[in-house]
Amino acid sequence: MKRENFWRSTFYWFSHGLIRIWLRLRFRFSVTGAERIPPTGGLILCANHASYLDPPALGCAIPWRIVHFMARNTLYSNPFGRFFFKHAQVIPIDRTRGDLAALRTAIHDLKAGKTIGIFPEGTRSPDGKLQEAKGGIGFLLAKGNVPVLPVYIAGTHQAFPRGASRFRSARISIHIGDPIPPAEVLAVMKDHRDYASVGALVMSRIAALDPALPPVPPEPPRIAAG
């Protein structure tokens, strides 16, 4: 098992390096906010999804942690897909039903201190605009009991939108926000099954990172009474 983990890790970081170089050369890839990534402990990355370029871009934005993406199991439907995604340490999930086994695997990995990457919208946005989070995502965020790191991916819709057959000229940038602590995730829930509120919280934090939006002005200093 240790030997298999060694080769999977080697494959991941080798692919990580090659793809990052390609992204920098082809799309002037850049990352802001990397200092906000917790160095250790379980972590869930949540990002918007508008292109097939999103998973490699998000993975390459994390310089020292292997990202275990949750992705649809149809990616394993051919020999190349089975080899690549298995060695890239992707967790397959059946999107046609509530895949509790995949969610349990993700929660187990989080307790082991690993990083899970998910796209709360569930599928690529057809127009690049943010969609609502899927219900099962809120379940994972609430049960994971680890920090949630919101990330906004800019430029992938312009570079390779849904339905495109070739790459287009665009600049891809990753914008990483402050981690949302587990206590804040649970605090928005109206009851123990209110996973929709959790998904809405995370999507709002992702939306706030959009570089096209005007910067939020700093709060004025508070002057103590008396």
Foldseek 3Di string as FASTA:
>chain_A
DVVLVVQLVVLQVVVLVVVVVVQCVQAVEEEPDQVQDDPWAFEEEEEAAFFPCVVSSVQNNHDPAQEAEEEAPCLCVDPVSVVVNVSSNHQHDHPVDPGVVSLVVSLVCRRVTHYYYYYQCRHHDQVPDGDFGDQVVLVSLLSSQAWYKYKYKPWRCQQGGPPDDHGDHHHIYMYIDHTDGNVNLVVQAPDPRRSSSSRVVRSVVNVLRPPVDDDDDDDDDDDDDD
